[in-house]
Amino acid sequence: MPEQLDTSQGWCCDGRTWKEHADKDGECCQPQGKQISDLPPEGQRKARERQAQAGAK
């Protein structure tokens, strides 16, 4: 089954979605609602890779 990324609450600076980071670690490094373009370059790269993997499965 494809991995579903819940991007409804935005992204974290490490390339994970806000929801999965909050669910795993209890908090995110930035507020909800950040888009991929708001992330640092490394976070943008990781987030785009994860999106591509989720869409390709």
PDB file of N, CA and C in Angstrom:
ATOM      1  N   MET A   1       0.835  -1.173   0.000  1.00  0.00           N
ATOM      2  CA  MET A   1       0.000   0.000   0.000  1.00  0.00           C
ATOM      3  C   MET A   1       0.885   1.243   0.000  1.00  0.00           C
ATOM      4  N   PRO A   2       0.579   2.238  -0.803  1.00  0.00           N
ATOM      5  CA  PRO A   2       1.427   3.426  -0.866  1.00  0.00           C
ATOM      6  C   PRO A   2       1.438   4.179   0.460  1.00  0.00           C
ATOM      7  N   GLU A   3       2.586   4.762   0.748  1.00  0.00           N
ATOM      8  CA  GLU A   3       2.690   5.603   1.930  1.00  0.00           C
ATOM      9  C   GLU A   3       1.920   6.887   1.661  1.00  0.00           C
ATOM     10  N   GLN A   4       1.068   7.259   2.582  1.00  0.00           N
ATOM     11  CA  GLN A   4       0.291   8.484   2.433  1.00  0.00           C
ATOM     12  C   GLN A   4       0.950   9.576   3.258  1.00  0.00           C
ATOM     13  N   LEU A   5       1.321  10.669   2.613  1.00  0.00           N
ATOM     14  CA  LEU A   5       1.883  11.803   3.322  1.00  0.00           C
ATOM     15  C   LEU A   5       0.758  12.784   3.615  1.00  0.00           C
ATOM     16  N   ASP A   6       0.530  13.062   4.876  1.00  0.00           N
ATOM     17  CA  ASP A   6      -0.498  14.020   5.266  1.00  0.00           C
ATOM     18  C   ASP A   6       0.147  15.398   5.316  1.00  0.00           C
ATOM     19  N   THR A   7       0.007  16.135   4.233  1.00  0.00           N
ATOM     20  CA  THR A   7       0.631  17.458   4.147  1.00  0.00           C
ATOM     21  C   THR A   7      -0.332  18.573   4.536  1.00  0.00           C
ATOM     22  N   SER A   8      -1.487  18.224   5.079  1.00  0.00           N
ATOM     23  CA  SER A   8      -2.501  19.225   5.393  1.00  0.00           C
ATOM     24  C   SER A   8      -2.047  20.238   6.443  1.00  0.00           C
ATOM     25  N   GLN A   9      -1.063  19.855   7.255  1.00  0.00           N
ATOM     26  CA  GLN A   9      -0.584  20.771   8.299  1.00  0.00           C
ATOM     27  C   GLN A   9       0.785  21.345   7.960  1.00  0.00           C
ATOM     28  N   GLY A  10       1.264  21.086   6.751  1.00  0.00           N
ATOM     29  CA  GLY A  10       2.534  21.658   6.329  1.00  0.00           C
ATOM     30  C   GLY A  10       3.706  20.701   6.519  1.00  0.00           C
ATOM     31  N   TRP A  11       4.893  21.286   6.462  1.00  0.00           N
ATOM     32  CA  TRP A  11       6.141  20.524   6.477  1.00  0.00           C
ATOM     33  C   TRP A  11       7.054  20.996   7.588  1.00  0.00           C
ATOM     34  N   CYS A  12       7.977  20.116   7.999  1.00  0.00           N
ATOM     35  CA  CYS A  12       9.016  20.457   8.968  1.00  0.00           C
ATOM     36  C   CYS A  12      10.337  20.667   8.239  1.00  0.00           C
ATOM     37  N   CYS A  13      11.240  21.352   8.929  1.00  0.00           N
ATOM     38  CA  CYS A  13      12.507  21.717   8.290  1.00  0.00           C
ATOM     39  C   CYS A  13      13.366  20.515   7.923  1.00  0.00           C
ATOM     40  N   ASP A  14      13.066  19.336   8.481  1.00  0.00           N
ATOM     41  CA  ASP A  14      13.871  18.148   8.169  1.00  0.00           C
ATOM     42  C   ASP A  14      13.290  17.328   7.018  1.00  0.00           C
ATOM     43  N   GLY A  15      12.222  17.830   6.379  1.00  0.00           N
ATOM     44  CA  GLY A  15      11.663  17.135   5.223  1.00  0.00           C
ATOM     45  C   GLY A  15      10.533  16.183   5.548  1.00  0.00           C
ATOM     46  N   ARG A  16      10.189  16.051   6.824  1.00  0.00           N
ATOM     47  CA  ARG A  16       9.020  15.255   7.192  1.00  0.00           C
ATOM     48  C   ARG A  16       7.801  16.171   7.215  1.00  0.00           C
ATOM     49  N   THR A  17       6.622  15.569   7.110  1.00  0.00           N
ATOM     50  CA  THR A  17       5.423  16.391   7.242  1.00  0.00           C
ATOM     51  C   THR A  17       5.281  16.827   8.697  1.00  0.00           C
ATOM     52  N   TRP A  18       4.562  17.930   8.892  1.00  0.00           N
ATOM     53  CA  TRP A  18       4.365  18.440  10.250  1.00  0.00           C
ATOM     54  C   TRP A  18       3.687  17.379  11.098  1.00  0.00           C
ATOM     55  N   LYS A  19       2.685  16.714  10.539  1.00  0.00           N
ATOM     56  CA  LYS A  19       1.916  15.723  11.303  1.00  0.00           C
ATOM     57  C   LYS A  19       2.780  14.542  11.711  1.00  0.00           C
ATOM     58  N   GLU A  20       3.568  13.978  10.785  1.00  0.00           N
ATOM     59  CA  GLU A  20       4.342  12.802  11.171  1.00  0.00           C
ATOM     60  C   GLU A  20       5.446  13.163  12.158  1.00  0.00           C
ATOM     61  N   HIS A  21       6.011  14.332  12.037  1.00  0.00           N
ATOM     62  CA  HIS A  21       7.036  14.753  12.989  1.00  0.00           C
ATOM     63  C   HIS A  21       6.409  14.953  14.364  1.00  0.00           C
ATOM     64  N   ALA A  22       5.259  15.629  14.419  1.00  0.00           N
ATOM     65  CA  ALA A  22       4.585  15.856  15.699  1.00  0.00           C
ATOM     66  C   ALA A  22       4.133  14.534  16.319  1.00  0.00           C
ATOM     67  N   ASP A  23       3.633  13.612  15.489  1.00  0.00           N
ATOM     68  CA  ASP A  23       3.190  12.319  16.003  1.00  0.00           C
ATOM     69  C   ASP A  23       4.356  11.512  16.573  1.00  0.00           C
ATOM     70  N   LYS A  24       5.512  11.598  15.943  1.00  0.00           N
ATOM     71  CA  LYS A  24       6.663  10.800  16.375  1.00  0.00           C
ATOM     72  C   LYS A  24       7.436  11.471  17.510  1.00  0.00           C
ATOM     73  N   ASP A  25       7.725  12.754  17.359  1.00  0.00           N
ATOM     74  CA  ASP A  25       8.604  13.448  18.295  1.00  0.00           C
ATOM     75  C   ASP A  25       7.880  14.398  19.244  1.00  0.00           C
ATOM     76  N   GLY A  26       6.594  14.629  18.995  1.00  0.00           N
ATOM     77  CA  GLY A  26       5.829  15.504  19.867  1.00  0.00           C
ATOM     78  C   GLY A  26       5.862  16.970  19.483  1.00  0.00           C
ATOM     79  N   GLU A  27       6.757  17.338  18.599  1.00  0.00           N
ATOM     80  CA  GLU A  27       6.816  18.718  18.155  1.00  0.00           C
ATOM     81  C   GLU A  27       7.578  18.808  16.842  1.00  0.00           C
ATOM     82  N   CYS A  28       7.451  19.941  16.205  1.00  0.00           N
ATOM     83  CA  CYS A  28       8.157  20.195  14.953  1.00  0.00           C
ATOM     84  C   CYS A  28       9.071  21.390  15.154  1.00  0.00           C
ATOM     85  N   CYS A  29      10.052  21.533  14.297  1.00  0.00           N
ATOM     86  CA  CYS A  29      11.023  22.610  14.428  1.00  0.00           C
ATOM     87  C   CYS A  29      10.482  23.950  13.932  1.00  0.00           C
ATOM     88  N   GLN A  30       9.277  23.983  13.445  1.00  0.00           N
ATOM     89  CA  GLN A  30       8.679  25.226  12.965  1.00  0.00           C
ATOM     90  C   GLN A  30       7.167  25.127  13.044  1.00  0.00           C
ATOM     91  N   PRO A  31       6.473  26.255  12.910  1.00  0.00           N
ATOM     92  CA  PRO A  31       5.010  26.231  13.038  1.00  0.00           C
ATOM     93  C   PRO A  31       4.327  25.470  11.916  1.00  0.00           C
ATOM     94  N   GLN A  32       3.080  25.095  12.163  1.00  0.00           N
ATOM     95  CA  GLN A  32       2.268  24.439  11.135  1.00  0.00           C
ATOM     96  C   GLN A  32       2.122  25.352   9.925  1.00  0.00           C
ATOM     97  N   GLY A  33       1.847  24.725   8.786  1.00  0.00           N
ATOM     98  CA  GLY A  33       1.488  25.481   7.592  1.00  0.00           C
ATOM     99  C   GLY A  33       2.641  25.823   6.670  1.00  0.00           C
ATOM    100  N   LYS A  34       3.851  25.410   6.990  1.00  0.00           N
ATOM    101  CA  LYS A  34       4.989  25.708   6.121  1.00  0.00           C
ATOM    102  C   LYS A  34       4.912  24.868   4.854  1.00  0.00           C
ATOM    103  N   GLN A  35       5.188  25.490   3.738  1.00  0.00           N
ATOM    104  CA  GLN A  35       5.227  24.801   2.456  1.00  0.00           C
ATOM    105  C   GLN A  35       6.657  24.340   2.197  1.00  0.00           C
ATOM    106  N   ILE A  36       6.810  23.452   1.231  1.00  0.00           N
ATOM    107  CA  ILE A  36       8.158  22.965   0.902  1.00  0.00           C
ATOM    108  C   ILE A  36       9.089  24.131   0.573  1.00  0.00           C
ATOM    109  N   SER A  37       8.574  25.128  -0.121  1.00  0.00           N
ATOM    110  CA  SER A  37       9.418  26.267  -0.514  1.00  0.00           C
ATOM    111  C   SER A  37       9.893  27.085   0.684  1.00  0.00           C
ATOM    112  N   ASP A  38       9.265  26.921   1.856  1.00  0.00           N
ATOM    113  CA  ASP A  38       9.671  27.631   3.072  1.00  0.00           C
ATOM    114  C   ASP A  38      10.791  26.913   3.819  1.00  0.00           C
ATOM    115  N   LEU A  39      11.086  25.680   3.434  1.00  0.00           N
ATOM    116  CA  LEU A  39      12.074  24.877   4.142  1.00  0.00           C
ATOM    117  C   LEU A  39      13.483  25.244   3.724  1.00  0.00           C
ATOM    118  N   PRO A  40      14.472  24.920   4.566  1.00  0.00           N
ATOM    119  CA  PRO A  40      15.871  25.080   4.140  1.00  0.00           C
ATOM    120  C   PRO A  40      16.159  24.132   2.979  1.00  0.00           C
ATOM    121  N   PRO A  41      17.193  24.401   2.190  1.00  0.00           N
ATOM    122  CA  PRO A  41      17.463  23.596   0.985  1.00  0.00           C
ATOM    123  C   PRO A  41      17.491  22.091   1.220  1.00  0.00           C
ATOM    124  N   GLU A  42      18.126  21.637   2.285  1.00  0.00           N
ATOM    125  CA  GLU A  42      18.200  20.191   2.546  1.00  0.00           C
ATOM    126  C   GLU A  42      16.814  19.630   2.854  1.00  0.00           C
ATOM    127  N   GLY A  43      16.028  20.363   3.614  1.00  0.00           N
ATOM    128  CA  GLY A  43      14.668  19.939   3.920  1.00  0.00           C
ATOM    129  C   GLY A  43      13.803  19.887   2.672  1.00  0.00           C
ATOM    130  N   GLN A  44      13.969  20.863   1.780  1.00  0.00           N
ATOM    131  CA  GLN A  44      13.218  20.862   0.516  1.00  0.00           C
ATOM    132  C   GLN A  44      13.543  19.621  -0.302  1.00  0.00           C
ATOM    133  N   ARG A  45      14.823  19.292  -0.378  1.00  0.00           N
ATOM    134  CA  ARG A  45      15.251  18.129  -1.153  1.00  0.00           C
ATOM    135  C   ARG A  45      14.636  16.847  -0.574  1.00  0.00           C
ATOM    136  N   LYS A  46      14.721  16.692   0.731  1.00  0.00           N
ATOM    137  CA  LYS A  46      14.183  15.491   1.376  1.00  0.00           C
ATOM    138  C   LYS A  46      12.668  15.406   1.207  1.00  0.00           C
ATOM    139  N   ALA A  47      11.978  16.529   1.372  1.00  0.00           N
ATOM    140  CA  ALA A  47      10.521  16.535   1.241  1.00  0.00           C
ATOM    141  C   ALA A  47      10.107  16.154  -0.179  1.00  0.00           C
ATOM    142  N   ARG A  48      10.801  16.688  -1.171  1.00  0.00           N
ATOM    143  CA  ARG A  48      10.466  16.363  -2.569  1.00  0.00           C
ATOM    144  C   ARG A  48      10.753  14.899  -2.881  1.00  0.00           C
ATOM    145  N   GLU A  49      11.839  14.376  -2.342  1.00  0.00           N
ATOM    146  CA  GLU A  49      12.141  12.950  -2.527  1.00  0.00           C
ATOM    147  C   GLU A  49      11.042  12.087  -1.907  1.00  0.00           C
ATOM    148  N   ARG A  50      10.587  12.451  -0.728  1.00  0.00           N
ATOM    149  CA  ARG A  50       9.545  11.680  -0.061  1.00  0.00           C
ATOM    150  C   ARG A  50       8.246  11.758  -0.835  1.00  0.00           C
ATOM    151  N   GLN A  51       7.921  12.927  -1.382  1.00  0.00           N
ATOM    152  CA  GLN A  51       6.716  13.054  -2.205  1.00  0.00           C
ATOM    153  C   GLN A  51       6.813  12.156  -3.411  1.00  0.00           C
ATOM    154  N   ALA A  52       7.967  12.136  -4.067  1.00  0.00           N
ATOM    155  CA  ALA A  52       8.161  11.322  -5.258  1.00  0.00           C
ATOM    156  C   ALA A  52       8.028   9.838  -4.912  1.00  0.00           C
ATOM    157  N   GLN A  53       8.601   9.407  -3.800  1.00  0.00           N
ATOM    158  CA  GLN A  53       8.506   8.008  -3.383  1.00  0.00           C
ATOM    159  C   GLN A  53       7.070   7.622  -3.062  1.00  0.00           C
ATOM    160  N   ALA A  54       6.345   8.505  -2.397  1.00  0.00           N
ATOM    161  CA  ALA A  54       4.959   8.209  -2.034  1.00  0.00           C
ATOM    162  C   ALA A  54       4.088   8.116  -3.284  1.00  0.00           C
ATOM    163  N   GLY A  55       4.391   8.936  -4.285  1.00  0.00           N
ATOM    164  CA  GLY A  55       3.602   8.917  -5.516  1.00  0.00           C
ATOM    165  C   GLY A  55       3.965   7.769  -6.425  1.00  0.00           C
ATOM    166  N   ALA A  56       5.189   7.244  -6.288  1.00  0.00           N
ATOM    167  CA  ALA A  56       5.662   6.199  -7.184  1.00  0.00           C
ATOM    168  C   ALA A  56       5.292   4.790  -6.717  1.00  0.00           C
ATOM    169  N   LYS A  57       4.889   4.644  -5.486  1.00  0.00           N
ATOM    170  CA  LYS A  57       4.595   3.306  -4.931  1.00  0.00           C
ATOM    171  C   LYS A  57       3.260   2.807  -5.404  1.00  0.00           C
TER     172      LYS A  57
END
